[in-house]
Every structure is written in C-alpha cells, then in structure tokens.
Amino acid sequence: MKRQPIGIFDSGVGGLTVAHAIKQILPGESLIYFGDTAHLPYGDKSAEAIKYYSHKITEFLLEHDSKVILIACNSASASAFDSLKKEFNDKTIIIDVIDPVVEYIGTRDFKKIGVIGTKRTISSGTYESKLKEISPSTAVVSLATPLLVPMIEEGFIFDDISNAIIRAYLSDQSLSGIQALILGCTHYPIIKNQISKIFNFNVEVVDSAKIVAGILRDVLEKKDLLNDSGKVTDMFFVSDYTTYFEKIAKMFFEGDINLKKADIWN
C-alpha cells in the first residue's frame, strides 16, 4: 500500500493548493487528482448533489488504488464527509479540510474570527458549530463569498476586477475587529495575498492547505504508509477539460502534467 497514490478531489483548481502543499511536505508521494470541472462551483449545488458527485469521485479514486482520499473542497467536506466515511471507511482513510483547520484554531487564543466560503459551506454552519465546540469563547462571523470561485476559475486574479470583488466582500462590517480569517474554500489561497492586503496584513489569514498537508503526513506516518520506494507518478483528471485548469496545474507543479479527461458520470 505504501506505493499507492494519495487521492485528492475538488470541484476545480482549488484543490491544487492542497496538492501543492502536500508535494512540498511529502515529495516522495504519488498523487491522483480529480477536478470536477463539469460541475463547478460546488458552492451553489444542493447537499444531495454534492454527496452524489463526491461518492462517484471517491469510487473513481479507489479504482485507481488510492491509499488515502483527501476531500480538498470545503463544500464537499461540509456536505459529504460523514456519508463518505460511512460508506468507505472500511476501504480507505478519508480526510476532510475542515476538521484540521478547526483543530488549529483550537490551539490559538483568538477572540473573534471570520470565515469566508461558498454559499453551501457557510449555510451548512459546519465551521461555526465545530468552532463553538472547540473554542466556546471565540466569536465566529461567517460570510458567503460566492463570486470568488467563478472569478478564480475564469482567471480573474491579481487585477482590478478581482481586487474590487474581494474588497466589496471583505469590507462587510461584520468582519470588523477579527483577528483571524479562515479561508473556507481551497480556491481562496490563490488570492491569499490580495485578501491579506485588504486587512493591511494585520489579520492572520488561515490557509487550510499547509495545515491539511501536515495532518496527512501525520496520518501516513502513524499508519506506516509513507512511500519509501522512490517511485513517484502524479496523475490529474478533470471531468471537463479547461485550458485554465491545465495552466494553473502547470504553474503549481512547474512543467508538463499528466492531465486526462474522465467522464465518470456515464
């Protein structure tokens, strides 16, 4: 099992931030990534639809012998994590991107924190309920920022359009006085610097990618599943080919990538 790949999925390019962080911490691991570009963004889909997509993708990743499945999507983590564990827990290890961040926040002493994410992630209340459980004295403010994912997927980053949209969201008075801001979507680290700039770099912007990568390393070490063979093969699948996905993947992984289209819905 040590040689088997780590399976990662997201609705699009966002999960590449997590995949990149994993490669930095665990360069000896093989990755198999699935971007469900045919159905993005997940944030405006129903919980039932997200569960269906997530279960089908998990089956696909298991068919490719994934030793771990990482849900690199907050909307899917909020809507499908429990059902995926129930169905596949005896077949693989499943890790989400919400619990590791909540555990990290529990080690800090923040008085007020903000959470931004898709409509689905925010409406689920998952972050708020879990943060209240682990840190009852911390005030939590949640804000849906639905335009950010399509903005990023369309390539509008580091320009006047993206700056205007980000500023419009983060100027919301509810976020006044926060000490930390959780990026409740794996797409958002792509615009992390722009977000930090809005707060004059005085707010800790919590990026799940590195936190989750660290948790994954701990799990693999504990289960004695670290790849020690020296052989690494990364594969990238999308449900609908987009030039932007390939462009971003090449940027993160510095060169040509093994990208294929996989229609798993038929």
C-alpha atoms as a PDB file:
ATOM      1  CA  MET A   1       0.000   0.000   0.000  1.00  0.00           C
ATOM      2  CA  LYS A   2       2.900   2.393   0.546  1.00  0.00           C
ATOM      3  CA  ARG A   3       3.356   2.845  -3.212  1.00  0.00           C
ATOM      4  CA  GLN A   4      -0.318   3.595  -3.802  1.00  0.00           C
ATOM      5  CA  PRO A   5      -1.217   7.223  -4.548  1.00  0.00           C
ATOM      6  CA  ILE A   6      -2.948   9.818  -2.434  1.00  0.00           C
ATOM      7  CA  GLY A   7      -6.360  10.577  -3.952  1.00  0.00           C
ATOM      8  CA  ILE A   8      -7.458  14.226  -3.915  1.00  0.00           C
ATOM      9  CA  PHE A   9     -10.607  15.822  -5.279  1.00  0.00           C
ATOM     10  CA  ASP A  10     -12.191  19.235  -5.640  1.00  0.00           C
ATOM     11  CA  SER A  11     -14.687  20.954  -7.920  1.00  0.00           C
ATOM     12  CA  GLY A  12     -11.877  22.589  -9.896  1.00  0.00           C
ATOM     13  CA  VAL A  13      -8.459  24.176  -9.424  1.00  0.00           C
ATOM     14  CA  GLY A  14      -8.871  24.993  -5.726  1.00  0.00           C
ATOM     15  CA  GLY A  15      -7.704  21.605  -4.519  1.00  0.00           C
ATOM     16  CA  LEU A  16      -4.441  22.154  -6.370  1.00  0.00           C
ATOM     17  CA  THR A  17      -3.433  24.447  -3.487  1.00  0.00           C
ATOM     18  CA  VAL A  18      -3.718  21.432  -1.188  1.00  0.00           C
ATOM     19  CA  ALA A  19      -1.996  19.104  -3.665  1.00  0.00           C
ATOM     20  CA  HIS A  20       0.879  21.587  -3.965  1.00  0.00           C
ATOM     21  CA  ALA A  21       1.242  21.816  -0.185  1.00  0.00           C
ATOM     22  CA  ILE A  22       1.319  18.013   0.022  1.00  0.00           C
ATOM     23  CA  LYS A  23       4.081  17.874  -2.585  1.00  0.00           C
ATOM     24  CA  GLN A  24       6.139  20.351  -0.587  1.00  0.00           C
ATOM     25  CA  ILE A  25       5.843  18.316   2.619  1.00  0.00           C
ATOM     26  CA  LEU A  26       5.700  14.827   1.054  1.00  0.00           C
ATOM     27  CA  PRO A  27       7.665  14.967  -2.227  1.00  0.00           C
ATOM     28  CA  GLY A  28       8.001  11.182  -2.282  1.00  0.00           C
ATOM     29  CA  GLU A  29       4.248  10.573  -2.535  1.00  0.00           C
ATOM     30  CA  SER A  30       2.324   9.948  -5.751  1.00  0.00           C
ATOM     31  CA  LEU A  31      -0.868  11.952  -6.270  1.00  0.00           C
ATOM     32  CA  ILE A  32      -4.022  11.288  -8.239  1.00  0.00           C
ATOM     33  CA  TYR A  33      -6.151  14.414  -8.520  1.00  0.00           C
ATOM     34  CA  PHE A  34      -9.718  14.747  -9.755  1.00  0.00           C
ATOM     35  CA  GLY A  35     -11.136  18.179 -10.578  1.00  0.00           C
ATOM     36  CA  ASP A  36     -14.887  18.036 -11.180  1.00  0.00           C
ATOM     37  CA  THR A  37     -14.820  20.928 -13.610  1.00  0.00           C
ATOM     38  CA  ALA A  38     -18.078  19.787 -15.236  1.00  0.00           C
ATOM     39  CA  HIS A  39     -19.987  20.642 -12.055  1.00  0.00           C
ATOM     40  CA  LEU A  40     -18.113  23.594 -10.588  1.00  0.00           C
ATOM     41  CA  PRO A  41     -18.737  25.516  -8.471  1.00  0.00           C
ATOM     42  CA  TYR A  42     -19.992  23.133  -5.794  1.00  0.00           C
ATOM     43  CA  GLY A  43     -20.928  26.096  -3.607  1.00  0.00           C
ATOM     44  CA  ASP A  44     -24.276  26.686  -5.301  1.00  0.00           C
ATOM     45  CA  LYS A  45     -25.235  22.998  -5.526  1.00  0.00           C
ATOM     46  CA  SER A  46     -27.544  21.155  -3.139  1.00  0.00           C
ATOM     47  CA  ALA A  47     -26.079  18.947  -0.417  1.00  0.00           C
ATOM     48  CA  GLU A  48     -27.568  15.888  -2.123  1.00  0.00           C
ATOM     49  CA  ALA A  49     -25.932  16.742  -5.451  1.00  0.00           C
ATOM     50  CA  ILE A  50     -22.551  17.269  -3.774  1.00  0.00           C
ATOM     51  CA  LYS A  51     -22.891  13.926  -1.981  1.00  0.00           C
ATOM     52  CA  TYR A  52     -23.605  12.196  -5.291  1.00  0.00           C
ATOM     53  CA  TYR A  53     -20.604  13.799  -7.033  1.00  0.00           C
ATOM     54  CA  SER A  54     -18.336  13.077  -4.060  1.00  0.00           C
ATOM     55  CA  HIS A  55     -19.317   9.407  -3.850  1.00  0.00           C
ATOM     56  CA  LYS A  56     -18.777   8.854  -7.578  1.00  0.00           C
ATOM     57  CA  ILE A  57     -15.374  10.563  -7.469  1.00  0.00           C
ATOM     58  CA  THR A  58     -14.338   8.569  -4.399  1.00  0.00           C
ATOM     59  CA  GLU A  59     -15.228   5.349  -6.227  1.00  0.00           C
ATOM     60  CA  PHE A  60     -13.093   6.525  -9.168  1.00  0.00           C
ATOM     61  CA  LEU A  61     -10.118   7.295  -6.919  1.00  0.00           C
ATOM     62  CA  LEU A  62     -10.456   3.926  -5.205  1.00  0.00           C
ATOM     63  CA  GLU A  63     -10.467   2.221  -8.614  1.00  0.00           C
ATOM     64  CA  HIS A  64      -7.043   3.847  -9.047  1.00  0.00           C
ATOM     65  CA  ASP A  65      -5.868   2.310  -5.739  1.00  0.00           C
ATOM     66  CA  SER A  66      -5.755   5.467  -3.631  1.00  0.00           C
ATOM     67  CA  LYS A  67      -4.467   4.665  -0.139  1.00  0.00           C
ATOM     68  CA  VAL A  68      -5.999   7.876   1.237  1.00  0.00           C
ATOM     69  CA  ILE A  69      -8.840  10.072  -0.028  1.00  0.00           C
ATOM     70  CA  LEU A  70      -8.490  13.776   0.717  1.00  0.00           C
ATOM     71  CA  ILE A  71     -11.602  15.909   0.204  1.00  0.00           C
ATOM     72  CA  ALA A  72      -9.836  19.090  -0.922  1.00  0.00           C
ATOM     73  CA  CYS A  73     -13.090  21.036  -1.072  1.00  0.00           C
ATOM     74  CA  ASN A  74     -14.883  22.759   1.793  1.00  0.00           C
ATOM     75  CA  SER A  75     -18.348  22.413   0.255  1.00  0.00           C
ATOM     76  CA  ALA A  76     -17.834  18.668  -0.176  1.00  0.00           C
ATOM     77  CA  SER A  77     -16.268  18.390   3.284  1.00  0.00           C
ATOM     78  CA  ALA A  78     -19.308  20.119   4.805  1.00  0.00           C
ATOM     79  CA  SER A  79     -21.909  18.153   2.833  1.00  0.00           C
ATOM     80  CA  ALA A  80     -20.386  14.739   2.111  1.00  0.00           C
ATOM     81  CA  PHE A  81     -17.636  13.903   4.634  1.00  0.00           C
ATOM     82  CA  ASP A  82     -19.895  12.000   7.036  1.00  0.00           C
ATOM     83  CA  SER A  83     -21.601   9.996   4.293  1.00  0.00           C
ATOM     84  CA  LEU A  84     -18.255   9.179   2.634  1.00  0.00           C
ATOM     85  CA  LYS A  85     -16.861   7.916   5.935  1.00  0.00           C
ATOM     86  CA  LYS A  86     -19.950   5.801   6.469  1.00  0.00           C
ATOM     87  CA  GLU A  87     -19.687   4.177   3.031  1.00  0.00           C
ATOM     88  CA  PHE A  88     -15.925   3.918   2.506  1.00  0.00           C
ATOM     89  CA  ASN A  89     -14.315   3.880   5.954  1.00  0.00           C
ATOM     90  CA  ASP A  90     -13.550   0.152   5.689  1.00  0.00           C
ATOM     91  CA  LYS A  91     -11.851   0.647   2.314  1.00  0.00           C
ATOM     92  CA  THR A  92      -9.671   3.717   2.774  1.00  0.00           C
ATOM     93  CA  ILE A  93      -8.689   6.610   5.034  1.00  0.00           C
ATOM     94  CA  ILE A  94     -10.763   9.749   4.389  1.00  0.00           C
ATOM     95  CA  ILE A  95      -9.579  13.223   5.417  1.00  0.00           C
ATOM     96  CA  ASP A  96     -11.516  16.480   5.080  1.00  0.00           C
ATOM     97  CA  VAL A  97     -10.271  20.073   5.028  1.00  0.00           C
ATOM     98  CA  ILE A  98     -12.481  21.477   7.789  1.00  0.00           C
ATOM     99  CA  ASP A  99     -11.571  19.481  10.918  1.00  0.00           C
ATOM    100  CA  PRO A 100      -7.793  20.126  10.669  1.00  0.00           C
ATOM    101  CA  VAL A 101      -8.424  23.891  10.495  1.00  0.00           C
ATOM    102  CA  VAL A 102     -10.843  23.772  13.421  1.00  0.00           C
ATOM    103  CA  GLU A 103      -8.251  21.864  15.459  1.00  0.00           C
ATOM    104  CA  TYR A 104      -5.635  24.503  14.593  1.00  0.00           C
ATOM    105  CA  ILE A 105      -7.924  27.331  15.706  1.00  0.00           C
ATOM    106  CA  GLY A 106      -8.431  25.450  18.975  1.00  0.00           C
ATOM    107  CA  THR A 107      -4.715  25.843  19.742  1.00  0.00           C
ATOM    108  CA  ARG A 108      -4.876  29.639  19.373  1.00  0.00           C
ATOM    109  CA  ASP A 109      -6.421  32.327  21.561  1.00  0.00           C
ATOM    110  CA  PHE A 110      -8.497  34.321  19.108  1.00  0.00           C
ATOM    111  CA  LYS A 111     -11.324  36.481  20.467  1.00  0.00           C
ATOM    112  CA  LYS A 112     -13.038  36.959  17.102  1.00  0.00           C
ATOM    113  CA  ILE A 113     -12.517  35.154  13.821  1.00  0.00           C
ATOM    114  CA  GLY A 114     -14.152  35.320  10.416  1.00  0.00           C
ATOM    115  CA  VAL A 115     -14.937  32.537   7.972  1.00  0.00           C
ATOM    116  CA  ILE A 116     -15.458  33.097   4.256  1.00  0.00           C
ATOM    117  CA  GLY A 117     -16.618  30.389   1.880  1.00  0.00           C
ATOM    118  CA  THR A 118     -19.167  29.321  -0.686  1.00  0.00           C
ATOM    119  CA  LYS A 119     -22.900  29.520  -0.045  1.00  0.00           C
ATOM    120  CA  ARG A 120     -23.022  25.773   0.619  1.00  0.00           C
ATOM    121  CA  THR A 121     -20.146  25.814   3.119  1.00  0.00           C
ATOM    122  CA  ILE A 122     -21.472  28.824   5.011  1.00  0.00           C
ATOM    123  CA  SER A 123     -25.129  27.756   5.016  1.00  0.00           C
ATOM    124  CA  SER A 124     -24.167  24.332   6.380  1.00  0.00           C
ATOM    125  CA  GLY A 125     -22.973  26.006   9.593  1.00  0.00           C
ATOM    126  CA  THR A 126     -20.229  23.389   9.867  1.00  0.00           C
ATOM    127  CA  TYR A 127     -17.416  25.779  10.722  1.00  0.00           C
ATOM    128  CA  GLU A 128     -19.471  27.711  13.260  1.00  0.00           C
ATOM    129  CA  SER A 129     -20.741  24.640  15.108  1.00  0.00           C
ATOM    130  CA  LYS A 130     -17.344  22.927  15.209  1.00  0.00           C
ATOM    131  CA  LEU A 131     -15.510  26.102  16.236  1.00  0.00           C
ATOM    132  CA  LYS A 132     -18.017  26.777  19.025  1.00  0.00           C
ATOM    133  CA  GLU A 133     -17.481  23.247  20.272  1.00  0.00           C
ATOM    134  CA  ILE A 134     -13.694  23.509  20.403  1.00  0.00           C
ATOM    135  CA  SER A 135     -13.441  27.193  21.380  1.00  0.00           C
ATOM    136  CA  PRO A 136     -16.699  28.367  23.020  1.00  0.00           C
ATOM    137  CA  SER A 137     -15.391  31.818  23.949  1.00  0.00           C
ATOM    138  CA  THR A 138     -14.385  32.740  20.389  1.00  0.00           C
ATOM    139  CA  ALA A 139     -16.822  34.887  18.409  1.00  0.00           C
ATOM    140  CA  VAL A 140     -17.296  33.494  14.901  1.00  0.00           C
ATOM    141  CA  VAL A 141     -18.583  35.522  11.952  1.00  0.00           C
ATOM    142  CA  SER A 142     -19.379  33.711   8.703  1.00  0.00           C
ATOM    143  CA  LEU A 143     -19.716  35.363   5.318  1.00  0.00           C
ATOM    144  CA  ALA A 144     -20.646  33.760   1.994  1.00  0.00           C
ATOM    145  CA  THR A 145     -18.439  34.995  -0.865  1.00  0.00           C
ATOM    146  CA  PRO A 146     -19.899  33.116  -3.867  1.00  0.00           C
ATOM    147  CA  LEU A 147     -18.298  35.151  -6.650  1.00  0.00           C
ATOM    148  CA  LEU A 148     -14.739  34.272  -5.658  1.00  0.00           C
ATOM    149  CA  VAL A 149     -14.684  30.700  -7.013  1.00  0.00           C
ATOM    150  CA  PRO A 150     -16.013  31.509 -10.525  1.00  0.00           C
ATOM    151  CA  MET A 151     -13.762  34.584 -10.543  1.00  0.00           C
ATOM    152  CA  ILE A 152     -10.702  32.420  -9.862  1.00  0.00           C
ATOM    153  CA  GLU A 153     -11.806  29.659 -12.261  1.00  0.00           C
ATOM    154  CA  GLU A 154     -12.190  32.286 -15.008  1.00  0.00           C
ATOM    155  CA  GLY A 155      -8.670  33.556 -14.367  1.00  0.00           C
ATOM    156  CA  PHE A 156      -9.544  36.918 -12.835  1.00  0.00           C
ATOM    157  CA  ILE A 157      -6.769  37.177 -10.256  1.00  0.00           C
ATOM    158  CA  PHE A 158      -4.269  39.915  -9.393  1.00  0.00           C
ATOM    159  CA  ASP A 159      -6.222  42.506 -11.392  1.00  0.00           C
ATOM    160  CA  ASP A 160      -8.650  45.387 -10.831  1.00  0.00           C
ATOM    161  CA  ILE A 161     -11.709  43.143 -11.211  1.00  0.00           C
ATOM    162  CA  SER A 162     -10.634  40.650  -8.544  1.00  0.00           C
ATOM    163  CA  ASN A 163      -9.449  43.421  -6.200  1.00  0.00           C
ATOM    164  CA  ALA A 164     -12.836  45.150  -6.459  1.00  0.00           C
ATOM    165  CA  ILE A 165     -14.776  41.944  -5.751  1.00  0.00           C
ATOM    166  CA  ILE A 166     -12.547  40.950  -2.829  1.00  0.00           C
ATOM    167  CA  ARG A 167     -12.744  44.420  -1.303  1.00  0.00           C
ATOM    168  CA  ALA A 168     -16.544  44.519  -1.703  1.00  0.00           C
ATOM    169  CA  TYR A 169     -16.883  41.306   0.281  1.00  0.00           C
ATOM    170  CA  LEU A 170     -14.268  41.899   2.954  1.00  0.00           C
ATOM    171  CA  SER A 171     -15.426  45.448   3.701  1.00  0.00           C
ATOM    172  CA  ASP A 172     -18.505  43.900   5.316  1.00  0.00           C
ATOM    173  CA  GLN A 173     -18.928  45.432   8.772  1.00  0.00           C
ATOM    174  CA  SER A 174     -19.452  42.015  10.372  1.00  0.00           C
ATOM    175  CA  LEU A 175     -15.738  41.292   9.841  1.00  0.00           C
ATOM    176  CA  SER A 176     -14.661  44.371  11.777  1.00  0.00           C
ATOM    177  CA  GLY A 177     -12.263  43.514  14.584  1.00  0.00           C
ATOM    178  CA  ILE A 178     -11.447  39.952  13.542  1.00  0.00           C
ATOM    179  CA  GLN A 179      -8.025  38.614  14.481  1.00  0.00           C
ATOM    180  CA  ALA A 180      -8.072  35.734  12.014  1.00  0.00           C
ATOM    181  CA  LEU A 181      -9.864  34.885   8.783  1.00  0.00           C
ATOM    182  CA  ILE A 182     -10.397  31.272   7.775  1.00  0.00           C
ATOM    183  CA  LEU A 183     -10.288  30.712   4.031  1.00  0.00           C
ATOM    184  CA  GLY A 184     -13.185  28.262   3.928  1.00  0.00           C
ATOM    185  CA  CYS A 185     -12.564  27.292   0.319  1.00  0.00           C
ATOM    186  CA  THR A 186      -9.450  25.742  -1.171  1.00  0.00           C
ATOM    187  CA  HIS A 187      -9.648  28.121  -4.139  1.00  0.00           C
ATOM    188  CA  TYR A 188      -9.061  31.120  -1.888  1.00  0.00           C
ATOM    189  CA  PRO A 189      -5.334  30.584  -1.119  1.00  0.00           C
ATOM    190  CA  ILE A 190      -4.710  31.541  -4.756  1.00  0.00           C
ATOM    191  CA  ILE A 191      -5.779  35.085  -3.783  1.00  0.00           C
ATOM    192  CA  LYS A 192      -4.420  34.952  -0.218  1.00  0.00           C
ATOM    193  CA  ASN A 193      -2.069  37.899  -0.673  1.00  0.00           C
ATOM    194  CA  GLN A 194      -4.867  40.060  -2.056  1.00  0.00           C
ATOM    195  CA  ILE A 195      -7.031  39.128   0.936  1.00  0.00           C
ATOM    196  CA  SER A 196      -4.223  39.872   3.404  1.00  0.00           C
ATOM    197  CA  LYS A 197      -3.658  43.249   1.795  1.00  0.00           C
ATOM    198  CA  ILE A 198      -7.288  44.257   2.385  1.00  0.00           C
ATOM    199  CA  PHE A 199      -6.612  43.860   6.125  1.00  0.00           C
ATOM    200  CA  ASN A 200      -3.221  45.605   5.850  1.00  0.00           C
ATOM    201  CA  PHE A 201      -1.616  42.267   6.806  1.00  0.00           C
ATOM    202  CA  ASN A 202      -2.876  42.705  10.404  1.00  0.00           C
ATOM    203  CA  VAL A 203      -5.193  39.673  10.327  1.00  0.00           C
ATOM    204  CA  GLU A 204      -3.955  36.071  10.299  1.00  0.00           C
ATOM    205  CA  VAL A 205      -5.302  34.545   7.106  1.00  0.00           C
ATOM    206  CA  VAL A 206      -5.704  30.829   7.825  1.00  0.00           C
ATOM    207  CA  ASP A 207      -4.947  28.732   4.760  1.00  0.00           C
ATOM    208  CA  SER A 208      -6.077  25.117   5.100  1.00  0.00           C
ATOM    209  CA  ALA A 209      -3.595  23.734   2.543  1.00  0.00           C
ATOM    210  CA  LYS A 210      -0.495  23.546   4.753  1.00  0.00           C
ATOM    211  CA  ILE A 211      -2.489  22.539   7.824  1.00  0.00           C
ATOM    212  CA  VAL A 212      -4.174  19.655   5.971  1.00  0.00           C
ATOM    213  CA  ALA A 213      -0.896  18.553   4.383  1.00  0.00           C
ATOM    214  CA  GLY A 214       0.632  18.329   7.861  1.00  0.00           C
ATOM    215  CA  ILE A 215      -2.278  16.242   9.143  1.00  0.00           C
ATOM    216  CA  LEU A 216      -1.944  13.922   6.135  1.00  0.00           C
ATOM    217  CA  ARG A 217       1.756  13.416   6.850  1.00  0.00           C
ATOM    218  CA  ASP A 218       0.967  12.548  10.471  1.00  0.00           C
ATOM    219  CA  VAL A 219      -1.693  10.017   9.398  1.00  0.00           C
ATOM    220  CA  LEU A 220       0.629   8.321   6.884  1.00  0.00           C
ATOM    221  CA  GLU A 221       3.438   8.124   9.440  1.00  0.00           C
ATOM    222  CA  LYS A 222       1.116   6.681  12.080  1.00  0.00           C
ATOM    223  CA  LYS A 223      -0.270   4.080   9.655  1.00  0.00           C
ATOM    224  CA  ASP A 224       3.229   3.297   8.277  1.00  0.00           C
ATOM    225  CA  LEU A 225       2.044   4.235   4.768  1.00  0.00           C
ATOM    226  CA  LEU A 226       4.766   6.676   3.676  1.00  0.00           C
ATOM    227  CA  ASN A 227       6.070   5.793   0.220  1.00  0.00           C
ATOM    228  CA  ASP A 228       9.688   4.677   0.551  1.00  0.00           C
ATOM    229  CA  SER A 229      10.020   3.121  -2.903  1.00  0.00           C
ATOM    230  CA  GLY A 230      11.443   6.234  -4.583  1.00  0.00           C
ATOM    231  CA  LYS A 231       8.967   5.865  -7.442  1.00  0.00           C
ATOM    232  CA  VAL A 232       6.563   8.784  -7.894  1.00  0.00           C
ATOM    233  CA  THR A 233       3.810   9.164 -10.504  1.00  0.00           C
ATOM    234  CA  ASP A 234       1.290  12.006 -10.426  1.00  0.00           C
ATOM    235  CA  MET A 235      -1.936  11.944 -12.444  1.00  0.00           C
ATOM    236  CA  PHE A 236      -4.537  14.660 -12.945  1.00  0.00           C
ATOM    237  CA  PHE A 237      -8.093  14.068 -14.113  1.00  0.00           C
ATOM    238  CA  VAL A 238     -10.876  16.511 -14.918  1.00  0.00           C
ATOM    239  CA  SER A 239     -14.497  15.809 -15.731  1.00  0.00           C
ATOM    240  CA  ASP A 240     -14.436  18.584 -18.357  1.00  0.00           C
ATOM    241  CA  TYR A 241     -11.231  19.874 -19.923  1.00  0.00           C
ATOM    242  CA  THR A 242     -10.429  23.570 -19.459  1.00  0.00           C
ATOM    243  CA  THR A 243      -7.259  25.345 -20.546  1.00  0.00           C
ATOM    244  CA  TYR A 244      -7.271  27.321 -17.298  1.00  0.00           C
ATOM    245  CA  PHE A 245      -7.099  24.157 -15.188  1.00  0.00           C
ATOM    246  CA  GLU A 246      -4.066  22.974 -17.126  1.00  0.00           C
ATOM    247  CA  LYS A 247      -2.456  26.408 -16.857  1.00  0.00           C
ATOM    248  CA  ILE A 248      -2.878  26.568 -13.072  1.00  0.00           C
ATOM    249  CA  ALA A 249      -1.779  22.938 -12.614  1.00  0.00           C
ATOM    250  CA  LYS A 250       1.386  23.597 -14.602  1.00  0.00           C
ATOM    251  CA  MET A 251       2.033  26.695 -12.508  1.00  0.00           C
ATOM    252  CA  PHE A 252       1.783  24.737  -9.251  1.00  0.00           C
ATOM    253  CA  PHE A 253       3.693  21.706 -10.486  1.00  0.00           C
ATOM    254  CA  GLU A 254       6.242  23.547 -12.641  1.00  0.00           C
ATOM    255  CA  GLY A 255       6.027  21.890 -16.015  1.00  0.00           C
ATOM    256  CA  ASP A 256       4.098  19.339 -18.012  1.00  0.00           C
ATOM    257  CA  ILE A 257       1.482  17.341 -16.162  1.00  0.00           C
ATOM    258  CA  ASN A 258      -0.279  14.089 -16.907  1.00  0.00           C
ATOM    259  CA  LEU A 259      -3.794  15.528 -17.474  1.00  0.00           C
ATOM    260  CA  LYS A 260      -6.696  13.430 -18.738  1.00  0.00           C
ATOM    261  CA  LYS A 261     -10.423  13.879 -19.088  1.00  0.00           C
ATOM    262  CA  ALA A 262     -12.505  11.253 -17.275  1.00  0.00           C
ATOM    263  CA  ASP A 263     -16.260  11.087 -17.807  1.00  0.00           C
ATOM    264  CA  ILE A 264     -17.263   9.158 -14.709  1.00  0.00           C
ATOM    265  CA  TRP A 265     -20.944  10.087 -14.856  1.00  0.00           C
ATOM    266  CA  ASN A 266     -21.970   7.742 -17.676  1.00  0.00           C
END
